[in-house]
C-alpha atoms as a PDB file:
ATOM      1  CA  ASP A   1      96.819 101.953 120.743  1.00  0.00           C
ATOM      2  CA  LYS A   2      94.691 100.601 117.898  1.00  0.00           C
ATOM      3  CA  VAL A   3      94.167 101.319 114.200  1.00  0.00           C
ATOM      4  CA  ALA A   4      91.397 100.726 111.688  1.00  0.00           C
ATOM      5  CA  ALA A   5      92.590  97.893 109.465  1.00  0.00           C
ATOM      6  CA  CYS A   6      91.810  97.246 105.783  1.00  0.00           C
ATOM      7  CA  ALA A   7      91.462  93.707 104.387  1.00  0.00           C
ATOM      8  CA  LYS A   8      92.332  93.596 100.699  1.00  0.00           C
ATOM      9  CA  HIS A   9      92.021  92.954  97.821  1.00  0.00           C
ATOM     10  CA  PHE A  10      88.555  91.382  97.810  1.00  0.00           C
ATOM     11  CA  VAL A  11      88.434  88.703  96.481  1.00  0.00           C
ATOM     12  CA  GLY A  12      90.559  86.176  94.588  1.00  0.00           C
ATOM     13  CA  ASP A  13      93.256  88.508  93.294  1.00  0.00           C
ATOM     14  CA  GLY A  14      95.859  85.960  94.370  1.00  0.00           C
ATOM     15  CA  GLY A  15      94.473  83.428  91.901  1.00  0.00           C
ATOM     16  CA  THR A  16      94.467  85.345  88.632  1.00  0.00           C
ATOM     17  CA  THR A  17      95.375  83.603  85.377  1.00  0.00           C
ATOM     18  CA  LYS A  18      99.183  83.323  85.144  1.00  0.00           C
ATOM     19  CA  GLY A  19      99.407  85.479  88.274  1.00  0.00           C
ATOM     20  CA  ILE A  20      99.061  88.654  86.227  1.00  0.00           C
ATOM     21  CA  ASN A  21      98.064  91.784  88.160  1.00  0.00           C
ATOM     22  CA  GLU A  22      94.446  92.942  87.570  1.00  0.00           C
ATOM     23  CA  ASN A  23      93.777  89.739  85.621  1.00  0.00           C
ATOM     24  CA  ASN A  24      90.887  87.280  85.660  1.00  0.00           C
ATOM     25  CA  THR A  25      90.459  84.651  88.377  1.00  0.00           C
ATOM     26  CA  VAL A  26      88.841  81.626  86.765  1.00  0.00           C
ATOM     27  CA  ILE A  27      87.415  79.431  89.513  1.00  0.00           C
ATOM     28  CA  GLY A  28      84.052  78.085  90.636  1.00  0.00           C
ATOM     29  CA  TYR A  29      82.075  79.411  93.583  1.00  0.00           C
ATOM     30  CA  HIS A  30      83.161  76.589  95.903  1.00  0.00           C
ATOM     31  CA  GLY A  31      86.820  77.159  95.054  1.00  0.00           C
ATOM     32  CA  LEU A  32      86.511  80.889  95.582  1.00  0.00           C
ATOM     33  CA  MET A  33      84.879  80.374  98.968  1.00  0.00           C
ATOM     34  CA  SER A  34      87.255  77.662 100.177  1.00  0.00           C
ATOM     35  CA  ILE A  35      90.554  79.088  98.884  1.00  0.00           C
ATOM     36  CA  HIS A  36      90.230  82.873  98.678  1.00  0.00           C
ATOM     37  CA  MET A  37      87.458  83.829 101.118  1.00  0.00           C
ATOM     38  CA  PRO A  38      88.600  82.384 104.487  1.00  0.00           C
ATOM     39  CA  ALA A  39      91.047  85.232 105.239  1.00  0.00           C
ATOM     40  CA  TYR A  40      88.230  87.768 104.850  1.00  0.00           C
ATOM     41  CA  PHE A  41      85.895  85.689 106.970  1.00  0.00           C
ATOM     42  CA  HIS A  42      88.431  85.570 109.812  1.00  0.00           C
ATOM     43  CA  SER A  43      89.212  89.284 109.411  1.00  0.00           C
ATOM     44  CA  ILE A  44      85.525  90.148 109.762  1.00  0.00           C
ATOM     45  CA  ILE A  45      85.241  87.990 112.887  1.00  0.00           C
ATOM     46  CA  LYS A  46      88.211  89.912 114.334  1.00  0.00           C
ATOM     47  CA  GLY A  47      86.432  93.207 113.614  1.00  0.00           C
ATOM     48  CA  VAL A  48      88.252  94.584 110.576  1.00  0.00           C
ATOM     49  CA  SER A  49      86.920  98.067 109.775  1.00  0.00           C
ATOM     50  CA  THR A  50      87.259  98.265 105.990  1.00  0.00           C
ATOM     51  CA  VAL A  51      87.548  95.982 102.970  1.00  0.00           C
ATOM     52  CA  MET A  52      89.105  97.098  99.670  1.00  0.00           C
ATOM     53  CA  VAL A  53      87.865  95.669  96.372  1.00  0.00           C
ATOM     54  CA  SER A  54      90.323  94.155  93.894  1.00  0.00           C
ATOM     55  CA  TYR A  55      91.120  95.394  90.376  1.00  0.00           C
ATOM     56  CA  SER A  56      90.834  91.775  89.258  1.00  0.00           C
ATOM     57  CA  SER A  57      87.811  89.949  87.854  1.00  0.00           C
ATOM     58  CA  TRP A  58      86.038  86.752  88.820  1.00  0.00           C
ATOM     59  CA  ASN A  59      85.156  84.622  85.790  1.00  0.00           C
ATOM     60  CA  GLY A  60      85.172  87.707  83.584  1.00  0.00           C
ATOM     61  CA  GLN A  61      83.250  90.117  85.825  1.00  0.00           C
ATOM     62  CA  LYS A  62      85.104  93.038  87.350  1.00  0.00           C
ATOM     63  CA  MET A  63      85.139  92.835  91.143  1.00  0.00           C
ATOM     64  CA  HIS A  64      84.380  96.569  91.387  1.00  0.00           C
ATOM     65  CA  ALA A  65      81.050  95.849  89.670  1.00  0.00           C
ATOM     66  CA  ASN A  66      80.260  92.522  91.348  1.00  0.00           C
ATOM     67  CA  ARG A  67      77.162  93.209  93.425  1.00  0.00           C
ATOM     68  CA  TYR A  68      76.754  89.546  94.317  1.00  0.00           C
ATOM     69  CA  LEU A  69      80.137  89.227  96.022  1.00  0.00           C
ATOM     70  CA  VAL A  70      80.284  92.727  97.551  1.00  0.00           C
ATOM     71  CA  LYS A  71      76.653  93.138  98.633  1.00  0.00           C
ATOM     72  CA  THR A  72      75.217  89.639  98.970  1.00  0.00           C
ATOM     73  CA  VAL A  73      78.265  87.689 100.174  1.00  0.00           C
ATOM     74  CA  LEU A  74      80.393  90.251 102.028  1.00  0.00           C
ATOM     75  CA  LYS A  75      77.714  92.441 103.570  1.00  0.00           C
ATOM     76  CA  ASP A  76      74.700  90.161 103.863  1.00  0.00           C
ATOM     77  CA  THR A  77      76.106  86.655 104.322  1.00  0.00           C
ATOM     78  CA  LEU A  78      79.353  87.403 106.156  1.00  0.00           C
ATOM     79  CA  LYS A  79      77.681  90.259 108.099  1.00  0.00           C
ATOM     80  CA  PHE A  80      80.496  92.756 107.454  1.00  0.00           C
ATOM     81  CA  ARG A  81      79.491  95.990 109.207  1.00  0.00           C
ATOM     82  CA  GLY A  82      82.416  98.213 108.225  1.00  0.00           C
ATOM     83  CA  PHE A  83      82.664  99.988 104.883  1.00  0.00           C
ATOM     84  CA  VAL A  84      83.876  98.865 101.463  1.00  0.00           C
ATOM     85  CA  ILE A  85      86.504 100.923  99.623  1.00  0.00           C
ATOM     86  CA  SER A  86      87.387 100.995  95.939  1.00  0.00           C
ATOM     87  CA  ASP A  87      91.005 100.737  94.858  1.00  0.00           C
ATOM     88  CA  TRP A  88      92.870 103.666  93.251  1.00  0.00           C
ATOM     89  CA  GLU A  89      90.790 104.554  90.166  1.00  0.00           C
ATOM     90  CA  GLY A  90      89.234 101.124  90.577  1.00  0.00           C
ATOM     91  CA  ILE A  91      85.805 102.045  89.254  1.00  0.00           C
ATOM     92  CA  ASP A  92      87.411 103.747  86.231  1.00  0.00           C
ATOM     93  CA  ARG A  93      88.688 100.317  85.194  1.00  0.00           C
ATOM     94  CA  ILE A  94      85.264  98.729  85.090  1.00  0.00           C
ATOM     95  CA  THR A  95      85.280  99.889  81.462  1.00  0.00           C
ATOM     96  CA  TYR A  96      88.013  99.573  78.866  1.00  0.00           C
ATOM     97  CA  PRO A  97      89.739 101.865  78.190  1.00  0.00           C
ATOM     98  CA  PRO A  98      89.555 103.093  81.791  1.00  0.00           C
ATOM     99  CA  HIS A  99      87.276 106.103  82.361  1.00  0.00           C
ATOM    100  CA  SER A 100      85.734 105.703  78.885  1.00  0.00           C
ATOM    101  CA  ASN A 101      82.229 105.617  80.393  1.00  0.00           C
ATOM    102  CA  TYR A 102      82.683 107.079  83.839  1.00  0.00           C
ATOM    103  CA  THR A 103      78.972 107.531  84.560  1.00  0.00           C
ATOM    104  CA  GLU A 104      78.339 103.842  83.964  1.00  0.00           C
ATOM    105  CA  SER A 105      81.377 102.951  86.106  1.00  0.00           C
ATOM    106  CA  VAL A 106      80.196 105.107  89.015  1.00  0.00           C
ATOM    107  CA  LEU A 107      76.718 103.615  88.810  1.00  0.00           C
ATOM    108  CA  LYS A 108      77.973 100.024  88.701  1.00  0.00           C
ATOM    109  CA  GLY A 109      80.522 100.527  91.473  1.00  0.00           C
ATOM    110  CA  ILE A 110      78.157 102.162  93.953  1.00  0.00           C
ATOM    111  CA  SER A 111      75.316  99.816  93.043  1.00  0.00           C
ATOM    112  CA  ALA A 112      77.638  96.875  93.707  1.00  0.00           C
ATOM    113  CA  GLY A 113      77.952  98.048  97.308  1.00  0.00           C
ATOM    114  CA  ILE A 114      81.175 100.080  97.365  1.00  0.00           C
ATOM    115  CA  ASP A 115      80.757 102.730 100.061  1.00  0.00           C
ATOM    116  CA  MET A 116      83.830 104.945  99.626  1.00  0.00           C
ATOM    117  CA  ILE A 117      85.398 105.618  96.230  1.00  0.00           C
ATOM    118  CA  MET A 118      89.115 106.352  95.932  1.00  0.00           C
ATOM    119  CA  VAL A 119      89.184 109.251  93.461  1.00  0.00           C
ATOM    120  CA  PRO A 120      92.782 110.532  93.286  1.00  0.00           C
ATOM    121  CA  TYR A 121      92.298 113.388  90.856  1.00  0.00           C
ATOM    122  CA  ASN A 122      88.980 114.816  89.612  1.00  0.00           C
ATOM    123  CA  HIS A 123      86.748 114.487  92.666  1.00  0.00           C
ATOM    124  CA  THR A 124      84.280 117.145  91.489  1.00  0.00           C
ATOM    125  CA  GLU A 125      83.495 115.066  88.401  1.00  0.00           C
ATOM    126  CA  PHE A 126      82.698 112.106  90.644  1.00  0.00           C
ATOM    127  CA  ILE A 127      80.551 114.178  93.027  1.00  0.00           C
ATOM    128  CA  ASN A 128      78.545 115.698  90.167  1.00  0.00           C
ATOM    129  CA  ILE A 129      77.894 112.299  88.581  1.00  0.00           C
ATOM    130  CA  VAL A 130      76.797 110.717  91.872  1.00  0.00           C
ATOM    131  CA  THR A 131      74.485 113.659  92.568  1.00  0.00           C
ATOM    132  CA  ASP A 132      72.890 113.385  89.120  1.00  0.00           C
ATOM    133  CA  LEU A 133      72.465 109.607  89.473  1.00  0.00           C
ATOM    134  CA  VAL A 134      70.743 110.063  92.831  1.00  0.00           C
ATOM    135  CA  ASN A 135      68.537 112.928  91.625  1.00  0.00           C
ATOM    136  CA  ASN A 136      67.441 110.849  88.632  1.00  0.00           C
ATOM    137  CA  ASN A 137      66.744 107.755  90.782  1.00  0.00           C
ATOM    138  CA  TYR A 138      69.482 105.574  89.315  1.00  0.00           C
ATOM    139  CA  ILE A 139      71.101 105.322  92.759  1.00  0.00           C
ATOM    140  CA  SER A 140      68.651 104.980  95.631  1.00  0.00           C
ATOM    141  CA  MET A 141      68.854 106.970  98.839  1.00  0.00           C
ATOM    142  CA  ASP A 142      68.884 103.641 100.684  1.00  0.00           C
ATOM    143  CA  ARG A 143      72.221 102.862  98.994  1.00  0.00           C
ATOM    144  CA  ILE A 144      73.594 106.290  99.979  1.00  0.00           C
ATOM    145  CA  ASP A 145      72.305 105.845 103.537  1.00  0.00           C
ATOM    146  CA  ASP A 146      73.958 102.426 103.768  1.00  0.00           C
ATOM    147  CA  ALA A 147      77.312 103.888 102.711  1.00  0.00           C
ATOM    148  CA  ALA A 148      77.034 106.884 105.050  1.00  0.00           C
ATOM    149  CA  ARG A 149      75.910 104.705 107.958  1.00  0.00           C
ATOM    150  CA  ARG A 150      78.852 102.341 107.546  1.00  0.00           C
ATOM    151  CA  ILE A 151      81.434 105.112 107.234  1.00  0.00           C
ATOM    152  CA  LEU A 152      80.030 106.974 110.259  1.00  0.00           C
ATOM    153  CA  ARG A 153      79.886 103.748 112.292  1.00  0.00           C
ATOM    154  CA  VAL A 154      83.617 103.191 111.784  1.00  0.00           C
ATOM    155  CA  LYS A 155      84.438 106.832 112.578  1.00  0.00           C
ATOM    156  CA  PHE A 156      82.352 106.781 115.755  1.00  0.00           C
ATOM    157  CA  THR A 157      83.900 103.465 116.822  1.00  0.00           C
ATOM    158  CA  LEU A 158      87.350 105.011 116.374  1.00  0.00           C
ATOM    159  CA  GLY A 159      86.317 108.065 118.364  1.00  0.00           C
ATOM    160  CA  LEU A 160      87.291 110.407 115.535  1.00  0.00           C
ATOM    161  CA  PHE A 161      84.583 112.936 116.363  1.00  0.00           C
ATOM    162  CA  GLU A 162      85.715 113.234 119.975  1.00  0.00           C
ATOM    163  CA  THR A 163      89.454 113.037 119.205  1.00  0.00           C
ATOM    164  CA  PRO A 164      90.099 113.798 115.527  1.00  0.00           C
ATOM    165  CA  LEU A 165      93.905 114.040 115.754  1.00  0.00           C
ATOM    166  CA  ALA A 166      96.333 111.193 116.290  1.00  0.00           C
ATOM    167  CA  ASP A 167      97.417 110.363 119.836  1.00  0.00           C
ATOM    168  CA  GLU A 168     101.197 110.815 119.979  1.00  0.00           C
ATOM    169  CA  THR A 169     101.603 109.140 123.387  1.00  0.00           C
ATOM    170  CA  LEU A 170     103.352 106.111 121.892  1.00  0.00           C
ATOM    171  CA  VAL A 171     105.371 107.924 119.220  1.00  0.00           C
ATOM    172  CA  ASP A 172     108.665 107.246 120.994  1.00  0.00           C
ATOM    173  CA  GLN A 173     108.123 103.520 120.440  1.00  0.00           C
ATOM    174  CA  LEU A 174     108.111 103.800 116.641  1.00  0.00           C
ATOM    175  CA  GLY A 175     111.074 101.943 115.201  1.00  0.00           C
ATOM    176  CA  SER A 176     111.816 100.304 118.540  1.00  0.00           C
ATOM    177  CA  GLN A 177     113.779  97.067 118.727  1.00  0.00           C
ATOM    178  CA  ALA A 178     110.554  95.168 119.421  1.00  0.00           C
ATOM    179  CA  HIS A 179     109.046  96.580 116.239  1.00  0.00           C
ATOM    180  CA  ARG A 180     112.146  95.689 114.239  1.00  0.00           C
ATOM    181  CA  ASP A 181     112.148  92.159 115.629  1.00  0.00           C
ATOM    182  CA  LEU A 182     108.511  91.734 114.667  1.00  0.00           C
ATOM    183  CA  ALA A 183     109.197  93.071 111.155  1.00  0.00           C
ATOM    184  CA  ARG A 184     112.099  90.649 110.770  1.00  0.00           C
ATOM    185  CA  GLU A 185     109.899  87.763 111.892  1.00  0.00           C
ATOM    186  CA  ALA A 186     107.238  88.786 109.352  1.00  0.00           C
ATOM    187  CA  VAL A 187     109.849  88.770 106.574  1.00  0.00           C
ATOM    188  CA  ARG A 188     111.125  85.341 107.589  1.00  0.00           C
ATOM    189  CA  LYS A 189     107.632  83.869 107.594  1.00  0.00           C
ATOM    190  CA  SER A 190     106.593  85.418 104.276  1.00  0.00           C
ATOM    191  CA  LEU A 191     109.692  84.688 102.166  1.00  0.00           C
ATOM    192  CA  VAL A 192     109.113  82.269  99.290  1.00  0.00           C
ATOM    193  CA  LEU A 193     112.133  80.418  97.880  1.00  0.00           C
ATOM    194  CA  LEU A 194     111.986  79.219  94.287  1.00  0.00           C
ATOM    195  CA  LYS A 195     114.272  76.772  92.474  1.00  0.00           C
ATOM    196  CA  ASN A 196     115.102  76.507  88.778  1.00  0.00           C
ATOM    197  CA  GLY A 197     114.685  73.285  86.827  1.00  0.00           C
ATOM    198  CA  GLU A 198     112.241  70.415  86.898  1.00  0.00           C
ATOM    199  CA  ASN A 199     114.386  67.682  88.474  1.00  0.00           C
ATOM    200  CA  ALA A 200     112.607  66.744  91.687  1.00  0.00           C
ATOM    201  CA  ASP A 201     115.153  64.027  92.459  1.00  0.00           C
ATOM    202  CA  ALA A 202     117.942  66.533  93.152  1.00  0.00           C
ATOM    203  CA  PRO A 203     116.277  69.512  94.789  1.00  0.00           C
ATOM    204  CA  VAL A 204     118.298  72.695  95.226  1.00  0.00           C
ATOM    205  CA  LEU A 205     116.600  73.500  98.527  1.00  0.00           C
ATOM    206  CA  PRO A 206     117.319  73.403 101.362  1.00  0.00           C
ATOM    207  CA  LEU A 207     120.821  74.747 100.755  1.00  0.00           C
ATOM    208  CA  PRO A 208     123.598  72.562 102.224  1.00  0.00           C
ATOM    209  CA  LYS A 209     125.087  74.058 105.380  1.00  0.00           C
ATOM    210  CA  LYS A 210     128.589  73.080 104.188  1.00  0.00           C
ATOM    211  CA  ALA A 211     128.367  75.133 100.970  1.00  0.00           C
ATOM    212  CA  SER A 212     131.465  77.316 100.792  1.00  0.00           C
ATOM    213  CA  ARG A 213     129.929  79.959  98.541  1.00  0.00           C
ATOM    214  CA  ILE A 214     126.430  81.061  97.565  1.00  0.00           C
ATOM    215  CA  LEU A 215     125.942  83.340  94.540  1.00  0.00           C
ATOM    216  CA  VAL A 216     123.319  86.069  95.030  1.00  0.00           C
ATOM    217  CA  ALA A 217     122.629  87.708  91.664  1.00  0.00           C
ATOM    218  CA  GLY A 218     120.208  90.065  89.983  1.00  0.00           C
ATOM    219  CA  SER A 219     119.114  93.684  90.260  1.00  0.00           C
ATOM    220  CA  HIS A 220     118.105  93.264  93.916  1.00  0.00           C
ATOM    221  CA  ALA A 221     121.297  91.520  95.063  1.00  0.00           C
ATOM    222  CA  ASN A 222     123.034  94.588  96.498  1.00  0.00           C
ATOM    223  CA  ASN A 223     120.156  97.047  96.521  1.00  0.00           C
ATOM    224  CA  MET A 224     118.494  97.635  99.883  1.00  0.00           C
ATOM    225  CA  GLY A 225     115.835  99.880  98.332  1.00  0.00           C
ATOM    226  CA  TYR A 226     114.671  97.129  96.000  1.00  0.00           C
ATOM    227  CA  GLN A 227     114.940  94.513  98.736  1.00  0.00           C
ATOM    228  CA  CYS A 228     112.615  96.512 100.963  1.00  0.00           C
ATOM    229  CA  GLY A 229     110.109  96.591  98.103  1.00  0.00           C
ATOM    230  CA  GLY A 230     107.074  98.665  97.247  1.00  0.00           C
ATOM    231  CA  TRP A 231     105.483 101.132  99.669  1.00  0.00           C
ATOM    232  CA  THR A 232     108.713 101.420 101.693  1.00  0.00           C
ATOM    233  CA  ALA A 233     109.541 104.908 100.415  1.00  0.00           C
ATOM    234  CA  THR A 234     107.706 104.960  97.091  1.00  0.00           C
ATOM    235  CA  TRP A 235     104.931 102.965  95.451  1.00  0.00           C
ATOM    236  CA  GLN A 236     107.105 100.507  93.508  1.00  0.00           C
ATOM    237  CA  GLY A 237     110.177 100.664  95.703  1.00  0.00           C
ATOM    238  CA  VAL A 238     113.241 102.853  95.342  1.00  0.00           C
ATOM    239  CA  ASP A 239     116.601 102.138  93.666  1.00  0.00           C
ATOM    240  CA  GLY A 240     119.690 102.363  95.843  1.00  0.00           C
ATOM    241  CA  ASN A 241     121.136 101.949  99.319  1.00  0.00           C
ATOM    242  CA  ASN A 242     120.859 105.551 100.503  1.00  0.00           C
ATOM    243  CA  TYR A 243     117.247 105.648 101.724  1.00  0.00           C
ATOM    244  CA  THR A 244     117.105 103.032 104.443  1.00  0.00           C
ATOM    245  CA  ALA A 245     119.410 104.295 107.211  1.00  0.00           C
END
């Protein structure tokens, strides 16, 4: 009745310049620790099993190559004992254009303290490069042992070696009313309402209860697929009302 959780995306990806995805978070160390780090600190205290690194940068340095934050802060200072995962092709994007110097990216990513690399396509290329880097002493066996130890620790804690397949005992509870109520509560608590204009003296929100009509407009207005959002059925969400019955 438990799962291995992943805290992501480490760290500061919610503070990028202009809010642009994979962008640069420009902030001092104190600001990073006080604004962006607390959620990870609390997750580690609760026993989170994995942490995923962000595509974004901190003051110009790619997080996937940031040994100080991944190794020194996350593993050493915060005492995180699970394993660190890269994002989808995350180490490829250490260089620009992505994958332009894959050997350097692999070296920087693993040296930074990433334990498991998400390689969606050419895994043999990755394996061969890691093997060469280890054989030529660019990546130490201590670093490999640290990654293996952390991954095995999580798998043993989950009991995957004793029971490798999922327990279907609770499968009849999936989609239950209790689950739907909890999902609805999560939506209510995470919605963010925005208002147009700069006139603070006549705020649009909260909406007056006596309003006779409210206009809901835009591409998402009558589109349940878009309203559900990304990862519901596809990565970026799906267009239409036929997929959510």
